[in-house]
Amino acid sequence: MIRHKVLFVCTGNICRSPTAEGVARGLARKQGVEHLFEFDSAATHGYHVGDPPDPRTIAAALRRGYDLASLRARRVTDFDFIHFDYVLAMDREHLDLLQRACPRPHQKKLGLFLEFGERFKEDEVPDPYYGGAQGFEHVLDLIEDAATGLILKLGVP
């Protein structure tokens, strides 16, 4: 029985949001609570629809035990605002775009993903796309922290 449906959103759905999806799924699996969650990810823009995550994203995640290779980029749809309990943006620009697109009755589902984190001061996941390998590692650090907090906050030990 799925109790919580969570959608992670970034610009192209090839770096940050698929990382969040894969990490959250992996952490829930590790804690034995994967069956309580539905995790997915999507983009605010259609630049990469149908593409796998960026190869650097896949490699960085795999080094930590998260396999993202089967994921494919897609764009946020109107159905997502109805279906998901939480629609979590990687940064304020994404959140603003989501707020403009989301029907009023579902606005309460929107938020910033890093609001669930505890270890870092950042409240936005930086885009690692134009940087080096260290950026992808930092994104993983932020996302692991926030995904852990998300699972705990939703009442799952």
N, C-alpha and C. Protein backbone atom coordinates (compact mmCIF):
# COMPACT_ATOMS: atom_id res chain seq x y z
N MET A 1 0.83 -1.18 0.00
CA MET A 1 0.00 0.00 0.00
C MET A 1 0.88 1.25 0.00
N ILE A 2 0.79 2.03 -1.06
CA ILE A 2 1.57 3.28 -1.15
C ILE A 2 0.89 4.33 -0.28
N ARG A 3 1.67 4.97 0.57
CA ARG A 3 1.12 6.01 1.45
C ARG A 3 1.50 7.41 1.01
N HIS A 4 2.66 7.53 0.34
CA HIS A 4 3.17 8.85 -0.02
C HIS A 4 3.67 8.84 -1.46
N LYS A 5 3.16 9.77 -2.27
CA LYS A 5 3.57 9.90 -3.67
C LYS A 5 4.33 11.21 -3.81
N VAL A 6 5.59 11.11 -4.23
CA VAL A 6 6.48 12.26 -4.27
C VAL A 6 7.07 12.43 -5.67
N LEU A 7 6.96 13.66 -6.20
CA LEU A 7 7.55 14.00 -7.49
C LEU A 7 8.64 15.03 -7.27
N PHE A 8 9.83 14.76 -7.81
CA PHE A 8 10.96 15.69 -7.75
C PHE A 8 11.09 16.39 -9.09
N VAL A 9 11.34 17.71 -9.07
CA VAL A 9 11.34 18.48 -10.32
C VAL A 9 12.57 19.36 -10.44
N CYS A 10 13.21 19.31 -11.63
CA CYS A 10 14.29 20.24 -11.97
C CYS A 10 14.09 20.69 -13.42
N THR A 11 15.07 21.34 -13.99
CA THR A 11 14.92 21.94 -15.30
C THR A 11 14.73 20.91 -16.42
N GLY A 12 15.69 20.00 -16.58
CA GLY A 12 15.66 19.06 -17.70
C GLY A 12 15.42 17.63 -17.33
N ASN A 13 15.37 17.33 -16.02
CA ASN A 13 15.15 15.97 -15.53
C ASN A 13 16.27 15.02 -15.97
N ILE A 14 17.52 15.56 -15.98
CA ILE A 14 18.66 14.69 -16.30
C ILE A 14 19.76 14.75 -15.24
N CYS A 15 19.66 15.65 -14.26
CA CYS A 15 20.69 15.72 -13.22
C CYS A 15 20.07 15.63 -11.82
N ARG A 16 19.51 16.73 -11.37
CA ARG A 16 19.06 16.82 -9.98
C ARG A 16 17.84 15.98 -9.65
N SER A 17 16.77 16.12 -10.41
CA SER A 17 15.55 15.40 -10.04
C SER A 17 15.65 13.89 -10.21
N PRO A 18 16.33 13.36 -11.25
CA PRO A 18 16.47 11.90 -11.28
C PRO A 18 17.38 11.40 -10.15
N THR A 19 18.34 12.23 -9.76
CA THR A 19 19.17 11.86 -8.61
C THR A 19 18.30 11.75 -7.37
N ALA A 20 17.43 12.73 -7.16
CA ALA A 20 16.54 12.71 -6.00
C ALA A 20 15.63 11.48 -6.04
N GLU A 21 15.09 11.18 -7.21
CA GLU A 21 14.23 10.00 -7.35
C GLU A 21 14.99 8.73 -6.99
N GLY A 22 16.17 8.56 -7.57
CA GLY A 22 16.96 7.34 -7.33
C GLY A 22 17.44 7.22 -5.90
N VAL A 23 17.88 8.33 -5.31
CA VAL A 23 18.36 8.30 -3.93
C VAL A 23 17.21 8.01 -2.97
N ALA A 24 16.08 8.69 -3.14
CA ALA A 24 14.93 8.46 -2.26
C ALA A 24 14.47 7.01 -2.35
N ARG A 25 14.39 6.50 -3.56
CA ARG A 25 13.99 5.10 -3.74
C ARG A 25 15.00 4.16 -3.07
N GLY A 26 16.29 4.44 -3.28
CA GLY A 26 17.32 3.59 -2.68
C GLY A 26 17.31 3.62 -1.16
N LEU A 27 17.14 4.81 -0.59
CA LEU A 27 17.10 4.92 0.88
C LEU A 27 15.85 4.25 1.45
N ALA A 28 14.72 4.41 0.78
CA ALA A 28 13.50 3.75 1.24
C ALA A 28 13.65 2.23 1.17
N ARG A 29 14.27 1.75 0.10
CA ARG A 29 14.52 0.30 -0.05
C ARG A 29 15.42 -0.19 1.07
N LYS A 30 16.48 0.57 1.33
CA LYS A 30 17.44 0.19 2.38
C LYS A 30 16.77 0.11 3.75
N GLN A 31 15.78 0.98 3.97
CA GLN A 31 15.07 0.99 5.25
C GLN A 31 13.89 0.02 5.27
N GLY A 32 13.66 -0.67 4.15
CA GLY A 32 12.57 -1.64 4.08
C GLY A 32 11.19 -1.01 3.97
N VAL A 33 11.13 0.23 3.48
CA VAL A 33 9.84 0.93 3.40
C VAL A 33 9.51 1.39 1.97
N GLU A 34 10.20 0.84 0.99
CA GLU A 34 9.98 1.26 -0.40
C GLU A 34 8.52 1.09 -0.82
N HIS A 35 7.85 0.07 -0.31
CA HIS A 35 6.46 -0.20 -0.67
C HIS A 35 5.50 0.90 -0.21
N LEU A 36 5.95 1.77 0.69
CA LEU A 36 5.10 2.84 1.20
C LEU A 36 5.17 4.11 0.35
N PHE A 37 6.07 4.11 -0.63
CA PHE A 37 6.33 5.32 -1.40
C PHE A 37 6.21 5.08 -2.90
N GLU A 38 5.83 6.13 -3.59
CA GLU A 38 5.97 6.19 -5.05
C GLU A 38 6.82 7.42 -5.33
N PHE A 39 7.97 7.23 -5.92
CA PHE A 39 8.86 8.33 -6.27
C PHE A 39 8.95 8.45 -7.79
N ASP A 40 8.97 9.68 -8.26
CA ASP A 40 9.13 9.94 -9.69
C ASP A 40 9.84 11.29 -9.83
N SER A 41 10.23 11.61 -11.04
CA SER A 41 10.87 12.90 -11.29
C SER A 41 10.44 13.42 -12.65
N ALA A 42 10.54 14.73 -12.81
CA ALA A 42 10.11 15.36 -14.05
C ALA A 42 10.83 16.69 -14.23
N ALA A 43 10.63 17.27 -15.42
CA ALA A 43 11.30 18.53 -15.79
C ALA A 43 10.29 19.66 -15.93
N THR A 44 10.77 20.88 -15.72
CA THR A 44 9.95 22.05 -16.02
C THR A 44 10.01 22.38 -17.51
N HIS A 45 11.05 21.91 -18.18
CA HIS A 45 11.25 22.18 -19.61
C HIS A 45 11.42 20.87 -20.37
N GLY A 46 11.10 20.87 -21.64
CA GLY A 46 11.14 19.65 -22.44
C GLY A 46 12.42 19.40 -23.20
N TYR A 47 13.53 19.97 -22.76
CA TYR A 47 14.80 19.86 -23.49
C TYR A 47 15.27 18.43 -23.72
N HIS A 48 15.05 17.55 -22.76
CA HIS A 48 15.66 16.22 -22.79
C HIS A 48 14.65 15.07 -22.71
N VAL A 49 13.39 15.33 -23.01
CA VAL A 49 12.35 14.31 -22.89
C VAL A 49 12.78 13.02 -23.59
N GLY A 50 12.69 11.91 -22.84
CA GLY A 50 13.06 10.59 -23.37
C GLY A 50 14.51 10.22 -23.16
N ASP A 51 15.33 11.17 -22.76
CA ASP A 51 16.76 10.90 -22.56
C ASP A 51 17.03 10.32 -21.18
N PRO A 52 18.09 9.51 -21.06
CA PRO A 52 18.52 9.05 -19.73
C PRO A 52 19.18 10.21 -18.99
N PRO A 53 19.42 10.04 -17.70
CA PRO A 53 20.16 11.06 -16.97
C PRO A 53 21.54 11.29 -17.59
N ASP A 54 22.09 12.47 -17.33
CA ASP A 54 23.43 12.82 -17.78
C ASP A 54 24.40 11.72 -17.33
N PRO A 55 25.34 11.33 -18.18
CA PRO A 55 26.29 10.26 -17.82
C PRO A 55 27.05 10.55 -16.51
N ARG A 56 27.35 11.81 -16.25
CA ARG A 56 28.05 12.15 -15.00
C ARG A 56 27.14 11.94 -13.80
N THR A 57 25.86 12.19 -13.97
CA THR A 57 24.88 11.94 -12.91
C THR A 57 24.80 10.45 -12.62
N ILE A 58 24.69 9.66 -13.68
CA ILE A 58 24.62 8.21 -13.52
C ILE A 58 25.86 7.68 -12.81
N ALA A 59 27.04 8.13 -13.24
CA ALA A 59 28.30 7.65 -12.66
C ALA A 59 28.44 8.03 -11.19
N ALA A 60 28.13 9.28 -10.86
CA ALA A 60 28.25 9.73 -9.46
C ALA A 60 27.29 8.95 -8.56
N ALA A 61 26.05 8.77 -9.01
CA ALA A 61 25.07 8.03 -8.22
C ALA A 61 25.48 6.57 -8.06
N LEU A 62 25.99 5.97 -9.13
CA LEU A 62 26.39 4.56 -9.07
C LEU A 62 27.53 4.34 -8.07
N ARG A 63 28.42 5.32 -7.96
CA ARG A 63 29.52 5.20 -6.98
C ARG A 63 28.98 5.11 -5.56
N ARG A 64 27.77 5.61 -5.34
CA ARG A 64 27.15 5.54 -4.01
C ARG A 64 26.08 4.46 -3.93
N GLY A 65 25.96 3.67 -4.98
CA GLY A 65 25.04 2.54 -4.94
C GLY A 65 23.64 2.81 -5.47
N TYR A 66 23.44 3.91 -6.18
CA TYR A 66 22.13 4.24 -6.74
C TYR A 66 22.20 4.07 -8.26
N ASP A 67 21.33 3.25 -8.81
CA ASP A 67 21.31 2.99 -10.24
C ASP A 67 20.22 3.82 -10.91
N LEU A 68 20.62 4.80 -11.71
CA LEU A 68 19.69 5.70 -12.38
C LEU A 68 19.55 5.41 -13.86
N ALA A 69 20.26 4.41 -14.35
CA ALA A 69 20.37 4.18 -15.80
C ALA A 69 19.04 3.93 -16.49
N SER A 70 18.06 3.39 -15.81
CA SER A 70 16.78 3.07 -16.45
C SER A 70 15.82 4.27 -16.50
N LEU A 71 16.15 5.36 -15.80
CA LEU A 71 15.27 6.52 -15.77
C LEU A 71 15.31 7.27 -17.10
N ARG A 72 14.20 7.90 -17.45
CA ARG A 72 14.10 8.70 -18.67
C ARG A 72 13.42 10.02 -18.34
N ALA A 73 13.93 11.07 -18.93
CA ALA A 73 13.42 12.42 -18.67
C ALA A 73 12.00 12.57 -19.22
N ARG A 74 11.22 13.29 -18.46
CA ARG A 74 9.87 13.64 -18.90
C ARG A 74 9.54 15.01 -18.34
N ARG A 75 8.51 15.59 -18.87
CA ARG A 75 8.08 16.92 -18.44
C ARG A 75 6.91 16.81 -17.46
N VAL A 76 6.80 17.73 -16.54
CA VAL A 76 5.68 17.78 -15.60
C VAL A 76 4.39 17.92 -16.41
N THR A 77 3.37 17.19 -15.99
CA THR A 77 2.05 17.25 -16.63
C THR A 77 1.00 17.76 -15.64
N ASP A 78 -0.13 18.14 -16.14
CA ASP A 78 -1.24 18.56 -15.28
C ASP A 78 -1.64 17.43 -14.33
N PHE A 79 -1.59 16.20 -14.81
CA PHE A 79 -1.93 15.04 -13.99
C PHE A 79 -1.03 14.93 -12.75
N ASP A 80 0.23 15.32 -12.89
CA ASP A 80 1.16 15.23 -11.76
C ASP A 80 0.67 16.02 -10.55
N PHE A 81 0.09 17.18 -10.78
CA PHE A 81 -0.40 18.01 -9.67
C PHE A 81 -1.55 17.33 -8.94
N ILE A 82 -2.31 16.53 -9.65
CA ILE A 82 -3.43 15.80 -9.05
C ILE A 82 -2.92 14.53 -8.36
N HIS A 83 -2.06 13.79 -9.04
CA HIS A 83 -1.63 12.47 -8.59
C HIS A 83 -0.70 12.48 -7.38
N PHE A 84 0.26 13.39 -7.37
CA PHE A 84 1.28 13.35 -6.32
C PHE A 84 0.86 14.13 -5.08
N ASP A 85 1.31 13.63 -3.92
CA ASP A 85 1.05 14.29 -2.64
C ASP A 85 2.03 15.43 -2.41
N TYR A 86 3.24 15.28 -2.94
CA TYR A 86 4.30 16.27 -2.81
C TYR A 86 4.93 16.48 -4.18
N VAL A 87 5.08 17.73 -4.58
CA VAL A 87 5.77 18.09 -5.81
C VAL A 87 6.90 19.02 -5.37
N LEU A 88 8.11 18.48 -5.36
CA LEU A 88 9.24 19.15 -4.73
C LEU A 88 10.25 19.66 -5.75
N ALA A 89 10.45 20.95 -5.73
CA ALA A 89 11.35 21.63 -6.65
C ALA A 89 12.78 21.63 -6.12
N MET A 90 13.73 21.60 -7.06
CA MET A 90 15.13 21.65 -6.68
C MET A 90 15.60 23.07 -6.37
N ASP A 91 14.95 24.08 -6.94
CA ASP A 91 15.32 25.47 -6.63
C ASP A 91 14.11 26.38 -6.76
N ARG A 92 14.29 27.64 -6.41
CA ARG A 92 13.18 28.59 -6.40
C ARG A 92 12.63 28.88 -7.80
N GLU A 93 13.48 28.85 -8.80
CA GLU A 93 13.00 29.06 -10.17
C GLU A 93 12.02 27.96 -10.57
N HIS A 94 12.36 26.72 -10.23
CA HIS A 94 11.45 25.60 -10.51
C HIS A 94 10.16 25.76 -9.73
N LEU A 95 10.29 26.14 -8.46
CA LEU A 95 9.11 26.31 -7.62
C LEU A 95 8.19 27.39 -8.19
N ASP A 96 8.76 28.49 -8.66
CA ASP A 96 7.96 29.55 -9.25
C ASP A 96 7.21 29.05 -10.50
N LEU A 97 7.91 28.31 -11.35
CA LEU A 97 7.27 27.75 -12.55
C LEU A 97 6.14 26.78 -12.17
N LEU A 98 6.38 25.97 -11.16
CA LEU A 98 5.36 25.02 -10.71
C LEU A 98 4.16 25.76 -10.12
N GLN A 99 4.41 26.80 -9.34
CA GLN A 99 3.31 27.56 -8.74
C GLN A 99 2.43 28.20 -9.81
N ARG A 100 3.04 28.65 -10.89
CA ARG A 100 2.26 29.26 -11.98
C ARG A 100 1.45 28.22 -12.76
N ALA A 101 1.94 26.99 -12.83
CA ALA A 101 1.27 25.94 -13.60
C ALA A 101 0.25 25.14 -12.79
N CYS A 102 0.43 25.11 -11.49
CA CYS A 102 -0.37 24.23 -10.63
C CYS A 102 -1.75 24.83 -10.33
N PRO A 103 -2.81 24.04 -10.49
CA PRO A 103 -4.15 24.52 -10.12
C PRO A 103 -4.20 24.87 -8.62
N ARG A 104 -4.95 25.89 -8.30
CA ARG A 104 -5.02 26.39 -6.92
C ARG A 104 -5.28 25.31 -5.88
N PRO A 105 -6.19 24.36 -6.11
CA PRO A 105 -6.45 23.35 -5.06
C PRO A 105 -5.25 22.47 -4.72
N HIS A 106 -4.24 22.46 -5.58
CA HIS A 106 -3.08 21.58 -5.36
C HIS A 106 -1.81 22.35 -4.97
N GLN A 107 -1.90 23.65 -4.79
CA GLN A 107 -0.74 24.48 -4.47
C GLN A 107 -0.05 24.02 -3.18
N LYS A 108 -0.81 23.51 -2.24
CA LYS A 108 -0.23 23.10 -0.95
C LYS A 108 0.74 21.93 -1.08
N LYS A 109 0.73 21.26 -2.21
CA LYS A 109 1.62 20.12 -2.45
C LYS A 109 3.02 20.56 -2.86
N LEU A 110 3.18 21.82 -3.23
CA LEU A 110 4.44 22.32 -3.77
C LEU A 110 5.39 22.75 -2.65
N GLY A 111 6.69 22.55 -2.89
CA GLY A 111 7.70 22.99 -1.94
C GLY A 111 9.10 22.80 -2.49
N LEU A 112 10.07 23.25 -1.71
CA LEU A 112 11.48 23.04 -2.05
C LEU A 112 11.94 21.75 -1.38
N PHE A 113 12.59 20.90 -2.14
CA PHE A 113 13.04 19.60 -1.64
C PHE A 113 13.98 19.73 -0.43
N LEU A 114 14.90 20.69 -0.49
CA LEU A 114 15.89 20.79 0.58
C LEU A 114 15.31 21.27 1.90
N GLU A 115 14.04 21.65 1.93
CA GLU A 115 13.40 21.97 3.21
C GLU A 115 13.37 20.75 4.13
N PHE A 116 13.53 19.57 3.57
CA PHE A 116 13.53 18.34 4.37
C PHE A 116 14.92 17.99 4.90
N GLY A 117 15.95 18.69 4.44
CA GLY A 117 17.32 18.40 4.88
C GLY A 117 17.63 19.03 6.22
N GLU A 118 18.67 18.52 6.86
CA GLU A 118 19.07 19.03 8.18
C GLU A 118 20.55 19.37 8.27
N ARG A 119 21.39 18.76 7.45
CA ARG A 119 22.84 18.90 7.61
C ARG A 119 23.45 20.10 6.91
N PHE A 120 22.74 20.69 5.95
CA PHE A 120 23.32 21.75 5.13
C PHE A 120 22.49 23.02 5.23
N LYS A 121 23.14 24.15 5.01
CA LYS A 121 22.45 25.43 5.06
C LYS A 121 21.72 25.77 3.77
N GLU A 122 22.15 25.18 2.65
CA GLU A 122 21.51 25.47 1.36
C GLU A 122 20.03 25.07 1.38
N ASP A 123 19.22 25.85 0.67
CA ASP A 123 17.83 25.47 0.51
C ASP A 123 17.48 25.22 -0.96
N GLU A 124 18.49 25.31 -1.83
CA GLU A 124 18.33 24.99 -3.24
C GLU A 124 19.43 24.02 -3.67
N VAL A 125 19.07 23.06 -4.50
CA VAL A 125 20.06 22.13 -5.04
C VAL A 125 20.69 22.81 -6.26
N PRO A 126 22.01 23.08 -6.23
CA PRO A 126 22.64 23.75 -7.36
C PRO A 126 22.71 22.84 -8.58
N ASP A 127 22.66 23.45 -9.75
CA ASP A 127 22.73 22.68 -11.00
C ASP A 127 24.18 22.32 -11.28
N PRO A 128 24.51 21.02 -11.30
CA PRO A 128 25.90 20.60 -11.52
C PRO A 128 26.27 20.50 -13.01
N TYR A 129 25.32 20.73 -13.90
CA TYR A 129 25.48 20.43 -15.33
C TYR A 129 26.72 21.08 -15.94
N TYR A 130 26.98 22.34 -15.63
CA TYR A 130 28.08 23.05 -16.27
C TYR A 130 29.37 23.04 -15.45
N GLY A 131 29.38 22.28 -14.37
CA GLY A 131 30.56 22.24 -13.53
C GLY A 131 31.29 20.92 -13.62
N GLY A 132 32.18 20.71 -12.66
CA GLY A 132 32.98 19.49 -12.63
C GLY A 132 32.37 18.41 -11.76
N ALA A 133 33.14 17.35 -11.58
CA ALA A 133 32.68 16.17 -10.84
C ALA A 133 32.29 16.50 -9.41
N GLN A 134 32.98 17.45 -8.79
CA GLN A 134 32.68 17.79 -7.40
C GLN A 134 31.25 18.31 -7.24
N GLY A 135 30.74 18.99 -8.26
CA GLY A 135 29.36 19.48 -8.20
C GLY A 135 28.36 18.35 -8.10
N PHE A 136 28.60 17.26 -8.81
CA PHE A 136 27.70 16.11 -8.76
C PHE A 136 27.77 15.44 -7.39
N GLU A 137 28.96 15.42 -6.79
CA GLU A 137 29.11 14.85 -5.44
C GLU A 137 28.37 15.70 -4.41
N HIS A 138 28.49 17.02 -4.54
CA HIS A 138 27.81 17.92 -3.60
C HIS A 138 26.30 17.77 -3.73
N VAL A 139 25.80 17.67 -4.95
CA VAL A 139 24.37 17.44 -5.17
C VAL A 139 23.93 16.15 -4.48
N LEU A 140 24.71 15.11 -4.59
CA LEU A 140 24.38 13.84 -3.92
C LEU A 140 24.36 14.02 -2.40
N ASP A 141 25.32 14.76 -1.84
CA ASP A 141 25.32 15.00 -0.40
C ASP A 141 24.03 15.68 0.04
N LEU A 142 23.65 16.74 -0.68
CA LEU A 142 22.44 17.49 -0.35
C LEU A 142 21.19 16.61 -0.48
N ILE A 143 21.14 15.85 -1.55
CA ILE A 143 19.97 15.03 -1.82
C ILE A 143 19.85 13.87 -0.84
N GLU A 144 20.95 13.23 -0.49
CA GLU A 144 20.89 12.15 0.50
C GLU A 144 20.36 12.68 1.83
N ASP A 145 20.80 13.86 2.22
CA ASP A 145 20.33 14.46 3.47
C ASP A 145 18.83 14.75 3.40
N ALA A 146 18.40 15.42 2.33
CA ALA A 146 16.98 15.79 2.22
C ALA A 146 16.09 14.56 2.06
N ALA A 147 16.54 13.56 1.31
CA ALA A 147 15.73 12.34 1.14
C ALA A 147 15.58 11.60 2.47
N THR A 148 16.64 11.57 3.25
CA THR A 148 16.56 10.95 4.58
C THR A 148 15.54 11.70 5.43
N GLY A 149 15.62 13.03 5.42
CA GLY A 149 14.67 13.84 6.18
C GLY A 149 13.25 13.67 5.70
N LEU A 150 13.06 13.58 4.40
CA LEU A 150 11.73 13.39 3.82
C LEU A 150 11.11 12.09 4.32
N ILE A 151 11.86 11.01 4.24
CA ILE A 151 11.35 9.71 4.67
C ILE A 151 11.03 9.73 6.16
N LEU A 152 11.89 10.35 6.97
CA LEU A 152 11.62 10.45 8.41
C LEU A 152 10.41 11.33 8.71
N LYS A 153 10.31 12.48 8.02
CA LYS A 153 9.20 13.41 8.27
C LYS A 153 7.86 12.78 7.92
N LEU A 154 7.84 11.93 6.91
CA LEU A 154 6.59 11.32 6.50
C LEU A 154 6.21 10.15 7.41
N GLY A 155 6.95 10.02 8.51
CA GLY A 155 6.57 9.06 9.53
C GLY A 155 7.06 7.65 9.33
N VAL A 156 8.07 7.51 8.52
CA VAL A 156 8.61 6.18 8.27
C VAL A 156 9.98 6.10 8.94
N PRO A 157 10.14 5.15 9.85
CA PRO A 157 11.41 5.05 10.60
C PRO A 157 12.61 4.77 9.72
